[in-house]
C-alpha cells in the first residue's frame, strides 16, 4: 500500500510492539485528504487487498 494512503488512513509504519491494533480508519477523512471520493478509496483498497489463504473446509477438492 502506498505510504500516502497508509498515512491518510492513520496506519502506523510498523505494528506496535504490544500487539495492539490502531483505531479503525476514517475513510471519509482519508479520501478527502487524498483528493478522491470515499468510494474511490474503498475500490482501490478492494483491488489491492492481499489474498487470504483458503480457510479450513473451504478448500477446493483435490
PDB file of N, CA and C in Angstrom:
ATOM      1  N   UNK A   1       0.850  -1.164   0.000  1.00  0.00           N
ATOM      2  CA  UNK A   1       0.000   0.000   0.000  1.00  0.00           C
ATOM      3  C   UNK A   1       0.901   1.234   0.000  1.00  0.00           C
ATOM      4  N   UNK A   2       0.537   2.196  -0.781  1.00  0.00           N
ATOM      5  CA  UNK A   2       1.265   3.450  -0.897  1.00  0.00           C
ATOM      6  C   UNK A   2       1.357   4.128   0.461  1.00  0.00           C
ATOM      7  N   UNK A   3       2.522   4.709   0.776  1.00  0.00           N
ATOM      8  CA  UNK A   3       2.707   5.317   2.099  1.00  0.00           C
ATOM      9  C   UNK A   3       1.764   6.486   2.323  1.00  0.00           C
ATOM     10  N   UNK A   4       1.408   7.250   1.277  1.00  0.00           N
ATOM     11  CA  UNK A   4       0.479   8.364   1.485  1.00  0.00           C
ATOM     12  C   UNK A   4      -0.911   7.838   1.835  1.00  0.00           C
ATOM     13  N   UNK A   5      -1.305   6.713   1.272  1.00  0.00           N
ATOM     14  CA  UNK A   5      -2.590   6.102   1.625  1.00  0.00           C
ATOM     15  C   UNK A   5      -2.528   5.599   3.067  1.00  0.00           C
ATOM     16  N   UNK A   6      -1.440   4.946   3.432  1.00  0.00           N
ATOM     17  CA  UNK A   6      -1.262   4.475   4.818  1.00  0.00           C
ATOM     18  C   UNK A   6      -1.329   5.642   5.791  1.00  0.00           C
ATOM     19  N   UNK A   7      -0.652   6.747   5.448  1.00  0.00           N
ATOM     20  CA  UNK A   7      -0.663   7.924   6.314  1.00  0.00           C
ATOM     21  C   UNK A   7      -2.068   8.498   6.437  1.00  0.00           C
ATOM     22  N   UNK A   8      -2.782   8.619   5.308  1.00  0.00           N
ATOM     23  CA  UNK A   8      -4.133   9.172   5.320  1.00  0.00           C
ATOM     24  C   UNK A   8      -5.081   8.316   6.156  1.00  0.00           C
ATOM     25  N   UNK A   9      -4.875   6.992   6.112  1.00  0.00           N
ATOM     26  CA  UNK A   9      -5.732   6.088   6.882  1.00  0.00           C
ATOM     27  C   UNK A   9      -5.310   6.001   8.348  1.00  0.00           C
ATOM     28  N   UNK A  10      -4.144   6.558   8.666  1.00  0.00           N
ATOM     29  CA  UNK A  10      -3.682   6.561  10.049  1.00  0.00           C
ATOM     30  C   UNK A  10      -2.982   5.286  10.475  1.00  0.00           C
ATOM     31  N   UNK A  11      -2.523   4.482   9.507  1.00  0.00           N
ATOM     32  CA  UNK A  11      -1.815   3.253   9.844  1.00  0.00           C
ATOM     33  C   UNK A  11      -0.387   3.591  10.255  1.00  0.00           C
ATOM     34  N   UNK A  12       0.103   3.021  11.351  1.00  0.00           N
ATOM     35  CA  UNK A  12       1.496   3.262  11.741  1.00  0.00           C
ATOM     36  C   UNK A  12       2.444   2.563  10.773  1.00  0.00           C
ATOM     37  N   UNK A  13       3.675   3.044  10.690  1.00  0.00           N
ATOM     38  CA  UNK A  13       4.674   2.444   9.794  1.00  0.00           C
ATOM     39  C   UNK A  13       4.954   1.001  10.190  1.00  0.00           C
ATOM     40  N   UNK A  14       4.912   0.727  11.496  1.00  0.00           N
ATOM     41  CA  UNK A  14       5.161  -0.630  11.991  1.00  0.00           C
ATOM     42  C   UNK A  14       4.132  -0.966  13.047  1.00  0.00           C
ATOM     43  N   UNK A  15       3.882  -2.264  13.223  1.00  0.00           N
ATOM     44  CA  UNK A  15       2.936  -2.691  14.257  1.00  0.00           C
ATOM     45  C   UNK A  15       3.480  -2.370  15.637  1.00  0.00           C
ATOM     46  N   UNK A  16       2.621  -1.958  16.556  1.00  0.00           N
ATOM     47  CA  UNK A  16       3.082  -1.709  17.919  1.00  0.00           C
ATOM     48  C   UNK A  16       3.651  -2.981  18.546  1.00  0.00           C
ATOM     49  N   UNK A  17       4.665  -2.813  19.362  1.00  0.00           N
ATOM     50  CA  UNK A  17       5.329  -3.958  19.991  1.00  0.00           C
ATOM     51  C   UNK A  17       4.383  -4.721  20.910  1.00  0.00           C
ATOM     52  N   UNK A  18       3.393  -4.035  21.472  1.00  0.00           N
ATOM     53  CA  UNK A  18       2.466  -4.710  22.394  1.00  0.00           C
ATOM     54  C   UNK A  18       1.371  -5.480  21.664  1.00  0.00           C
ATOM     55  N   UNK A  19       1.384  -5.447  20.322  1.00  0.00           N
ATOM     56  CA  UNK A  19       0.410  -6.209  19.546  1.00  0.00           C
ATOM     57  C   UNK A  19      -0.946  -5.548  19.417  1.00  0.00           C
ATOM     58  N   UNK A  20      -1.104  -4.327  19.939  1.00  0.00           N
ATOM     59  CA  UNK A  20      -2.393  -3.647  19.838  1.00  0.00           C
ATOM     60  C   UNK A  20      -2.651  -3.225  18.393  1.00  0.00           C
ATOM     61  N   UNK A  21      -3.905  -2.997  18.089  1.00  0.00           N
ATOM     62  CA  UNK A  21      -4.286  -2.586  16.746  1.00  0.00           C
ATOM     63  C   UNK A  21      -4.599  -1.096  16.739  1.00  0.00           C
ATOM     64  N   UNK A  22      -4.292  -0.419  15.631  1.00  0.00           N
ATOM     65  CA  UNK A  22      -4.624   1.003  15.545  1.00  0.00           C
ATOM     66  C   UNK A  22      -6.148   1.169  15.456  1.00  0.00           C
ATOM     67  N   UNK A  23      -6.661   2.359  15.765  1.00  0.00           N
ATOM     68  CA  UNK A  23      -8.103   2.573  15.640  1.00  0.00           C
ATOM     69  C   UNK A  23      -8.544   2.409  14.196  1.00  0.00           C
ATOM     70  N   UNK A  24      -9.820   2.131  14.003  1.00  0.00           N
ATOM     71  CA  UNK A  24     -10.348   1.972  12.649  1.00  0.00           C
ATOM     72  C   UNK A  24     -10.155   3.260  11.865  1.00  0.00           C
ATOM     73  N   UNK A  25      -9.797   3.127  10.596  1.00  0.00           N
ATOM     74  CA  UNK A  25      -9.551   4.327   9.794  1.00  0.00           C
ATOM     75  C   UNK A  25     -10.845   5.085   9.492  1.00  0.00           C
ATOM     76  N   UNK A  26     -10.720   6.384   9.342  1.00  0.00           N
ATOM     77  CA  UNK A  26     -11.828   7.244   8.935  1.00  0.00           C
ATOM     78  C   UNK A  26     -11.713   7.386   7.418  1.00  0.00           C
ATOM     79  N   UNK A  27     -12.461   6.559   6.686  1.00  0.00           N
ATOM     80  CA  UNK A  27     -12.341   6.527   5.231  1.00  0.00           C
ATOM     81  C   UNK A  27     -12.725   7.850   4.591  1.00  0.00           C
ATOM     82  N   UNK A  28     -13.742   8.522   5.118  1.00  0.00           N
ATOM     83  CA  UNK A  28     -14.168   9.801   4.547  1.00  0.00           C
ATOM     84  C   UNK A  28     -13.052  10.839   4.669  1.00  0.00           C
ATOM     85  N   UNK A  29     -12.439  10.930   5.852  1.00  0.00           N
ATOM     86  CA  UNK A  29     -11.362  11.893   6.064  1.00  0.00           C
ATOM     87  C   UNK A  29     -10.142  11.534   5.221  1.00  0.00           C
ATOM     88  N   UNK A  30      -9.821  10.249   5.139  1.00  0.00           N
ATOM     89  CA  UNK A  30      -8.671   9.811   4.350  1.00  0.00           C
ATOM     90  C   UNK A  30      -8.886  10.135   2.871  1.00  0.00           C
ATOM     91  N   UNK A  31     -10.078   9.877   2.361  1.00  0.00           N
ATOM     92  CA  UNK A  31     -10.376  10.165   0.954  1.00  0.00           C
ATOM     93  C   UNK A  31     -10.256  11.661   0.681  1.00  0.00           C
ATOM     94  N   UNK A  32     -10.779  12.465   1.586  1.00  0.00           N
ATOM     95  CA  UNK A  32     -10.693  13.912   1.420  1.00  0.00           C
ATOM     96  C   UNK A  32      -9.229  14.365   1.412  1.00  0.00           C
ATOM     97  N   UNK A  33      -8.425  13.811   2.299  1.00  0.00           N
ATOM     98  CA  UNK A  33      -7.003  14.151   2.366  1.00  0.00           C
ATOM     99  C   UNK A  33      -6.289  13.777   1.070  1.00  0.00           C
ATOM    100  N   UNK A  34      -6.716  12.673   0.454  1.00  0.00           N
ATOM    101  CA  UNK A  34      -6.095  12.203  -0.780  1.00  0.00           C
ATOM    102  C   UNK A  34      -6.683  12.864  -2.034  1.00  0.00           C
ATOM    103  N   UNK A  35      -7.783  13.601  -1.880  1.00  0.00           N
ATOM    104  CA  UNK A  35      -8.404  14.275  -3.014  1.00  0.00           C
ATOM    105  C   UNK A  35      -9.229  13.369  -3.898  1.00  0.00           C
ATOM    106  N   UNK A  36      -9.783  12.300  -3.303  1.00  0.00           N
ATOM    107  CA  UNK A  36     -10.637  11.363  -4.041  1.00  0.00           C
ATOM    108  C   UNK A  36     -11.914  11.141  -3.239  1.00  0.00           C
ATOM    109  N   UNK A  37     -12.871  10.429  -3.841  1.00  0.00           N
ATOM    110  CA  UNK A  37     -14.098  10.126  -3.113  1.00  0.00           C
ATOM    111  C   UNK A  37     -13.865   8.918  -2.210  1.00  0.00           C
ATOM    112  N   UNK A  38     -14.731   8.788  -1.233  1.00  0.00           N
ATOM    113  CA  UNK A  38     -14.638   7.631  -0.331  1.00  0.00           C
ATOM    114  C   UNK A  38     -14.813   6.338  -1.114  1.00  0.00           C
ATOM    115  N   UNK A  39     -15.723   6.330  -2.083  1.00  0.00           N
ATOM    116  CA  UNK A  39     -15.939   5.122  -2.889  1.00  0.00           C
ATOM    117  C   UNK A  39     -14.692   4.778  -3.700  1.00  0.00           C
ATOM    118  N   UNK A  40     -14.000   5.780  -4.243  1.00  0.00           N
ATOM    119  CA  UNK A  40     -12.762   5.515  -4.983  1.00  0.00           C
ATOM    120  C   UNK A  40     -11.705   4.903  -4.055  1.00  0.00           C
ATOM    121  N   UNK A  41     -11.599   5.427  -2.841  1.00  0.00           N
ATOM    122  CA  UNK A  41     -10.642   4.884  -1.877  1.00  0.00           C
ATOM    123  C   UNK A  41     -10.976   3.434  -1.559  1.00  0.00           C
ATOM    124  N   UNK A  42     -12.237   3.148  -1.293  1.00  0.00           N
ATOM    125  CA  UNK A  42     -12.635   1.771  -0.972  1.00  0.00           C
ATOM    126  C   UNK A  42     -12.374   0.825  -2.149  1.00  0.00           C
ATOM    127  N   UNK A  43     -12.589   1.301  -3.367  1.00  0.00           N
ATOM    128  CA  UNK A  43     -12.335   0.465  -4.546  1.00  0.00           C
ATOM    129  C   UNK A  43     -10.844   0.155  -4.672  1.00  0.00           C
ATOM    130  N   UNK A  44      -9.991   1.145  -4.456  1.00  0.00           N
ATOM    131  CA  UNK A  44      -8.543   0.914  -4.510  1.00  0.00           C
ATOM    132  C   UNK A  44      -8.145  -0.110  -3.457  1.00  0.00           C
ATOM    133  N   UNK A  45      -8.682   0.041  -2.259  1.00  0.00           N
ATOM    134  CA  UNK A  45      -8.338  -0.901  -1.183  1.00  0.00           C
ATOM    135  C   UNK A  45      -8.835  -2.309  -1.502  1.00  0.00           C
ATOM    136  N   UNK A  46     -10.011  -2.428  -2.113  1.00  0.00           N
ATOM    137  CA  UNK A  46     -10.529  -3.756  -2.501  1.00  0.00           C
ATOM    138  C   UNK A  46      -9.609  -4.415  -3.521  1.00  0.00           C
ATOM    139  N   UNK A  47      -9.147  -3.638  -4.504  1.00  0.00           N
ATOM    140  CA  UNK A  47      -8.311  -4.198  -5.568  1.00  0.00           C
ATOM    141  C   UNK A  47      -6.933  -4.604  -5.069  1.00  0.00           C
ATOM    142  N   UNK A  48      -6.460  -3.958  -4.005  1.00  0.00           N
ATOM    143  CA  UNK A  48      -5.103  -4.224  -3.524  1.00  0.00           C
ATOM    144  C   UNK A  48      -5.067  -5.007  -2.225  1.00  0.00           C
ATOM    145  N   UNK A  49      -6.179  -5.638  -1.893  1.00  0.00           N
ATOM    146  CA  UNK A  49      -6.229  -6.456  -0.675  1.00  0.00           C
ATOM    147  C   UNK A  49      -5.422  -7.725  -0.904  1.00  0.00           C
ATOM    148  N   UNK A  50      -4.562  -8.095   0.052  1.00  0.00           N
ATOM    149  CA  UNK A  50      -3.783  -9.325  -0.127  1.00  0.00           C
ATOM    150  C   UNK A  50      -4.694 -10.549  -0.151  1.00  0.00           C
ATOM    151  N   UNK A  51      -4.279 -11.531  -0.906  1.00  0.00           N
ATOM    152  CA  UNK A  51      -5.030 -12.786  -0.974  1.00  0.00           C
ATOM    153  C   UNK A  51      -5.018 -13.464   0.390  1.00  0.00           C
ATOM    154  N   UNK A  52      -6.156 -13.995   0.788  1.00  0.00           N
ATOM    155  CA  UNK A  52      -6.219 -14.758   2.040  1.00  0.00           C
ATOM    156  C   UNK A  52      -6.041 -16.235   1.717  1.00  0.00           C
ATOM    157  N   UNK A  53      -5.295 -16.939   2.551  1.00  0.00           N
ATOM    158  CA  UNK A  53      -5.178 -18.379   2.311  1.00  0.00           C
ATOM    159  C   UNK A  53      -6.548 -19.042   2.471  1.00  0.00           C
ATOM    160  N   UNK A  54      -6.734 -20.136   1.770  1.00  0.00           N
ATOM    161  CA  UNK A  54      -8.006 -20.864   1.873  1.00  0.00           C
ATOM    162  C   UNK A  54      -8.266 -21.252   3.327  1.00  0.00           C
ATOM    163  N   UNK A  55      -9.479 -20.998   3.770  1.00  0.00           N
ATOM    164  CA  UNK A  55      -9.829 -21.351   5.140  1.00  0.00           C
ATOM    165  C   UNK A  55     -10.124 -22.841   5.228  1.00  0.00           C
ATOM    166  N   UNK A  56      -9.955 -23.366   6.405  1.00  0.00           N
ATOM    167  CA  UNK A  56     -10.212 -24.778   6.639  1.00  0.00           C
ATOM    168  C   UNK A  56     -11.646 -25.111   6.211  1.00  0.00           C
ATOM    169  N   UNK A  57     -11.798 -26.110   5.407  1.00  0.00           N
ATOM    170  CA  UNK A  57     -13.112 -26.532   4.953  1.00  0.00           C
ATOM    171  C   UNK A  57     -13.567 -25.839   3.688  1.00  0.00           C
ATOM    172  N   UNK A  58     -12.895 -24.773   3.271  1.00  0.00           N
ATOM    173  CA  UNK A  58     -13.275 -24.059   2.065  1.00  0.00           C
ATOM    174  C   UNK A  58     -12.313 -24.332   0.914  1.00  0.00           C
ATOM    175  N   UNK A  59     -11.512 -25.360   1.055  1.00  0.00           N
ATOM    176  CA  UNK A  59     -10.545 -25.652   0.010  1.00  0.00           C
ATOM    177  C   UNK A  59     -11.212 -26.457  -1.093  1.00  0.00           C
ATOM    178  N   UNK A  60     -10.838 -26.173  -2.342  1.00  0.00           N
ATOM    179  CA  UNK A  60     -11.435 -26.932  -3.456  1.00  0.00           C
ATOM    180  C   UNK A  60     -10.998 -28.391  -3.391  1.00  0.00           C
ATOM    181  N   UNK A  61     -11.840 -29.289  -3.897  1.00  0.00           N
ATOM    182  CA  UNK A  61     -11.475 -30.715  -3.899  1.00  0.00           C
ATOM    183  C   UNK A  61     -10.224 -30.957  -4.733  1.00  0.00           C
ATOM    184  N   UNK A  62      -9.418 -31.897  -4.298  1.00  0.00           N
ATOM    185  CA  UNK A  62      -8.155 -32.201  -4.998  1.00  0.00           C
ATOM    186  C   UNK A  62      -8.405 -33.073  -6.191  1.00  0.00           C
TER     187      UNK A  62
END
